[in-house]
Amino acid sequence: MAKEPTLPKDISSLSFEDALKELEGIVQQLERGQVKLDEAISAYERGALLKKHCEQKLAEAKMKVEKIVFSADGSVGTQPADLN
């Protein structure tokens, strides 16, 4: 099985919203089909990395949400999320 690529720093430092916006721009650019093949391949590769970054950000958010706990008496509390 191939090892997943490490995210470049310029992608890993993006917020979810910024990464998603850039990914949407790449998809639109590729859908128009007005880029050269080499540029399309590079854009696709960057898009794949942006998608991975967005998925990681969503997984982190999901873990935080799942740390909301309910006690036996039905009250709601929170518990620190261990994201490490």
N, C-alpha and C. Protein backbone atom coordinates (compact mmCIF):
# COMPACT_ATOMS: atom_id res chain seq x y z
N MET A 1 0.84 -1.18 0.00
CA MET A 1 0.00 0.00 0.00
C MET A 1 0.88 1.24 0.00
N ALA A 2 0.55 2.21 -0.83
CA ALA A 2 1.34 3.43 -0.95
C ALA A 2 1.13 4.33 0.26
N LYS A 3 2.21 4.96 0.69
CA LYS A 3 2.14 5.89 1.80
C LYS A 3 1.48 7.18 1.34
N GLU A 4 0.59 7.73 2.17
CA GLU A 4 -0.08 8.98 1.81
C GLU A 4 0.91 10.13 1.87
N PRO A 5 0.80 11.07 0.92
CA PRO A 5 1.74 12.19 0.91
C PRO A 5 1.52 13.12 2.10
N THR A 6 2.62 13.70 2.57
CA THR A 6 2.55 14.69 3.63
C THR A 6 2.08 16.00 3.02
N LEU A 7 1.24 16.70 3.74
CA LEU A 7 0.74 17.98 3.23
C LEU A 7 1.81 19.04 3.26
N PRO A 8 1.95 19.80 2.16
CA PRO A 8 2.89 20.92 2.16
C PRO A 8 2.45 21.97 3.18
N LYS A 9 3.42 22.71 3.69
CA LYS A 9 3.14 23.71 4.74
C LYS A 9 2.12 24.75 4.28
N ASP A 10 2.18 25.14 2.99
CA ASP A 10 1.25 26.17 2.52
C ASP A 10 -0.19 25.66 2.52
N ILE A 11 -0.38 24.36 2.47
CA ILE A 11 -1.74 23.80 2.55
C ILE A 11 -2.12 23.53 4.00
N SER A 12 -1.21 22.94 4.76
CA SER A 12 -1.54 22.60 6.15
C SER A 12 -1.81 23.82 7.02
N SER A 13 -1.32 24.98 6.59
CA SER A 13 -1.57 26.20 7.38
C SER A 13 -2.89 26.87 7.02
N LEU A 14 -3.58 26.38 5.99
CA LEU A 14 -4.84 26.99 5.57
C LEU A 14 -5.97 26.62 6.52
N SER A 15 -6.90 27.54 6.68
CA SER A 15 -8.12 27.21 7.41
C SER A 15 -8.97 26.32 6.51
N PHE A 16 -9.96 25.67 7.10
CA PHE A 16 -10.86 24.83 6.32
C PHE A 16 -11.51 25.64 5.21
N GLU A 17 -11.99 26.83 5.56
CA GLU A 17 -12.71 27.66 4.60
C GLU A 17 -11.82 28.09 3.43
N ASP A 18 -10.59 28.47 3.74
CA ASP A 18 -9.67 28.88 2.68
C ASP A 18 -9.29 27.72 1.77
N ALA A 19 -9.06 26.55 2.37
CA ALA A 19 -8.72 25.37 1.58
C ALA A 19 -9.89 24.97 0.69
N LEU A 20 -11.09 25.01 1.23
CA LEU A 20 -12.27 24.65 0.45
C LEU A 20 -12.49 25.63 -0.70
N LYS A 21 -12.28 26.91 -0.44
CA LYS A 21 -12.44 27.92 -1.49
C LYS A 21 -11.44 27.68 -2.63
N GLU A 22 -10.19 27.39 -2.28
CA GLU A 22 -9.19 27.12 -3.30
C GLU A 22 -9.53 25.84 -4.07
N LEU A 23 -9.98 24.83 -3.35
CA LEU A 23 -10.37 23.56 -4.00
C LEU A 23 -11.52 23.78 -4.98
N GLU A 24 -12.50 24.57 -4.58
CA GLU A 24 -13.62 24.88 -5.47
C GLU A 24 -13.13 25.59 -6.73
N GLY A 25 -12.16 26.50 -6.57
CA GLY A 25 -11.60 27.20 -7.72
C GLY A 25 -10.89 26.25 -8.67
N ILE A 26 -10.17 25.29 -8.12
CA ILE A 26 -9.48 24.30 -8.95
C ILE A 26 -10.48 23.45 -9.72
N VAL A 27 -11.53 23.02 -9.03
CA VAL A 27 -12.55 22.20 -9.68
C VAL A 27 -13.18 22.97 -10.84
N GLN A 28 -13.52 24.23 -10.63
CA GLN A 28 -14.11 25.04 -11.69
C GLN A 28 -13.15 25.19 -12.87
N GLN A 29 -11.89 25.41 -12.56
CA GLN A 29 -10.88 25.56 -13.60
C GLN A 29 -10.76 24.27 -14.43
N LEU A 30 -10.74 23.14 -13.75
CA LEU A 30 -10.62 21.86 -14.46
C LEU A 30 -11.89 21.54 -15.26
N GLU A 31 -13.04 21.89 -14.71
CA GLU A 31 -14.30 21.64 -15.42
C GLU A 31 -14.39 22.44 -16.71
N ARG A 32 -13.84 23.65 -16.71
CA ARG A 32 -13.85 24.46 -17.93
C ARG A 32 -12.96 23.86 -19.02
N GLY A 33 -11.94 23.11 -18.60
CA GLY A 33 -11.07 22.45 -19.56
C GLY A 33 -10.21 23.39 -20.38
N GLN A 34 -9.93 24.55 -19.85
CA GLN A 34 -9.17 25.54 -20.61
C GLN A 34 -7.73 25.67 -20.13
N VAL A 35 -7.20 24.61 -19.52
CA VAL A 35 -5.82 24.64 -19.06
C VAL A 35 -5.03 23.57 -19.80
N LYS A 36 -3.75 23.79 -19.91
CA LYS A 36 -2.89 22.82 -20.56
C LYS A 36 -2.80 21.57 -19.69
N LEU A 37 -2.46 20.46 -20.31
CA LEU A 37 -2.42 19.17 -19.62
C LEU A 37 -1.53 19.21 -18.39
N ASP A 38 -0.32 19.74 -18.52
CA ASP A 38 0.60 19.79 -17.37
C ASP A 38 0.01 20.62 -16.22
N GLU A 39 -0.63 21.73 -16.57
CA GLU A 39 -1.25 22.57 -15.55
C GLU A 39 -2.43 21.85 -14.91
N ALA A 40 -3.18 21.12 -15.71
CA ALA A 40 -4.33 20.37 -15.18
C ALA A 40 -3.87 19.29 -14.21
N ILE A 41 -2.78 18.62 -14.54
CA ILE A 41 -2.26 17.57 -13.66
C ILE A 41 -1.79 18.17 -12.34
N SER A 42 -1.07 19.28 -12.41
CA SER A 42 -0.60 19.96 -11.20
C SER A 42 -1.79 20.44 -10.36
N ALA A 43 -2.79 21.00 -11.01
CA ALA A 43 -3.98 21.48 -10.30
C ALA A 43 -4.71 20.32 -9.64
N TYR A 44 -4.82 19.20 -10.35
CA TYR A 44 -5.48 18.02 -9.79
C TYR A 44 -4.73 17.52 -8.56
N GLU A 45 -3.40 17.45 -8.64
CA GLU A 45 -2.60 17.00 -7.50
C GLU A 45 -2.77 17.92 -6.31
N ARG A 46 -2.76 19.24 -6.54
CA ARG A 46 -2.97 20.19 -5.44
C ARG A 46 -4.39 20.04 -4.89
N GLY A 47 -5.35 19.85 -5.78
CA GLY A 47 -6.72 19.65 -5.33
C GLY A 47 -6.86 18.43 -4.44
N ALA A 48 -6.16 17.37 -4.78
CA ALA A 48 -6.21 16.16 -3.95
C ALA A 48 -5.65 16.42 -2.56
N LEU A 49 -4.58 17.20 -2.48
CA LEU A 49 -4.00 17.56 -1.18
C LEU A 49 -4.93 18.48 -0.39
N LEU A 50 -5.56 19.42 -1.09
CA LEU A 50 -6.53 20.30 -0.42
C LEU A 50 -7.71 19.50 0.11
N LYS A 51 -8.16 18.54 -0.65
CA LYS A 51 -9.27 17.67 -0.22
C LYS A 51 -8.89 16.91 1.04
N LYS A 52 -7.68 16.38 1.06
CA LYS A 52 -7.20 15.64 2.23
C LYS A 52 -7.16 16.56 3.44
N HIS A 53 -6.67 17.78 3.25
CA HIS A 53 -6.59 18.75 4.34
C HIS A 53 -7.99 19.06 4.88
N CYS A 54 -8.94 19.27 3.99
CA CYS A 54 -10.32 19.55 4.41
C CYS A 54 -10.89 18.37 5.19
N GLU A 55 -10.63 17.17 4.72
CA GLU A 55 -11.12 15.97 5.42
C GLU A 55 -10.52 15.87 6.82
N GLN A 56 -9.23 16.20 6.95
CA GLN A 56 -8.59 16.18 8.27
C GLN A 56 -9.20 17.22 9.20
N LYS A 57 -9.44 18.41 8.67
CA LYS A 57 -10.06 19.47 9.48
C LYS A 57 -11.46 19.06 9.95
N LEU A 58 -12.22 18.45 9.06
CA LEU A 58 -13.56 17.99 9.43
C LEU A 58 -13.50 16.88 10.48
N ALA A 59 -12.54 15.98 10.35
CA ALA A 59 -12.38 14.90 11.33
C ALA A 59 -12.03 15.47 12.70
N GLU A 60 -11.15 16.48 12.72
CA GLU A 60 -10.81 17.13 13.99
C GLU A 60 -12.04 17.79 14.62
N ALA A 61 -12.83 18.46 13.81
CA ALA A 61 -14.04 19.11 14.32
C ALA A 61 -15.02 18.07 14.84
N LYS A 62 -15.14 16.97 14.14
CA LYS A 62 -16.04 15.90 14.57
C LYS A 62 -15.60 15.33 15.91
N MET A 63 -14.30 15.17 16.09
CA MET A 63 -13.79 14.66 17.37
C MET A 63 -14.13 15.61 18.50
N LYS A 64 -14.03 16.91 18.25
CA LYS A 64 -14.36 17.88 19.28
C LYS A 64 -15.84 17.82 19.64
N VAL A 65 -16.67 17.70 18.63
CA VAL A 65 -18.11 17.63 18.87
C VAL A 65 -18.46 16.36 19.62
N GLU A 66 -17.80 15.27 19.30
CA GLU A 66 -18.08 14.01 19.96
C GLU A 66 -17.64 14.00 21.42
N LYS A 67 -16.86 14.98 21.84
CA LYS A 67 -16.43 15.05 23.22
C LYS A 67 -17.49 15.70 24.12
N ILE A 68 -18.59 16.12 23.54
CA ILE A 68 -19.71 16.59 24.35
C ILE A 68 -20.33 15.35 24.97
N VAL A 69 -20.45 15.33 26.28
CA VAL A 69 -20.91 14.12 26.97
C VAL A 69 -22.23 14.37 27.71
N PHE A 70 -22.97 13.31 27.85
CA PHE A 70 -24.23 13.34 28.60
C PHE A 70 -24.04 12.52 29.87
N SER A 71 -24.41 13.10 31.01
CA SER A 71 -24.28 12.37 32.26
C SER A 71 -25.52 11.52 32.50
N ALA A 72 -25.48 10.67 33.51
CA ALA A 72 -26.58 9.75 33.81
C ALA A 72 -27.90 10.49 34.08
N ASP A 73 -27.82 11.68 34.64
CA ASP A 73 -29.05 12.43 34.93
C ASP A 73 -29.57 13.22 33.73
N GLY A 74 -28.90 13.07 32.58
CA GLY A 74 -29.36 13.72 31.37
C GLY A 74 -28.76 15.10 31.12
N SER A 75 -27.94 15.58 32.05
CA SER A 75 -27.32 16.89 31.84
C SER A 75 -26.18 16.76 30.83
N VAL A 76 -25.91 17.88 30.18
CA VAL A 76 -24.89 17.91 29.16
C VAL A 76 -23.63 18.56 29.72
N GLY A 77 -22.50 17.97 29.38
CA GLY A 77 -21.22 18.52 29.80
C GLY A 77 -20.22 18.37 28.66
N THR A 78 -19.06 18.88 28.90
CA THR A 78 -18.00 18.73 27.90
C THR A 78 -16.79 18.09 28.54
N GLN A 79 -16.01 17.50 27.68
CA GLN A 79 -14.78 16.85 28.09
C GLN A 79 -13.70 17.27 27.10
N PRO A 80 -12.54 17.64 27.58
CA PRO A 80 -11.48 18.07 26.64
C PRO A 80 -11.19 16.99 25.58
N ALA A 81 -11.05 17.43 24.36
CA ALA A 81 -10.73 16.51 23.27
C ALA A 81 -9.23 16.31 23.23
N ASP A 82 -8.82 15.07 23.08
CA ASP A 82 -7.40 14.76 22.92
C ASP A 82 -7.15 14.55 21.44
N LEU A 83 -6.64 15.59 20.76
CA LEU A 83 -6.42 15.53 19.33
C LEU A 83 -5.03 15.06 18.96
N ASN A 84 -4.23 14.67 19.90
CA ASN A 84 -2.87 14.21 19.61
C ASN A 84 -2.82 12.75 19.31
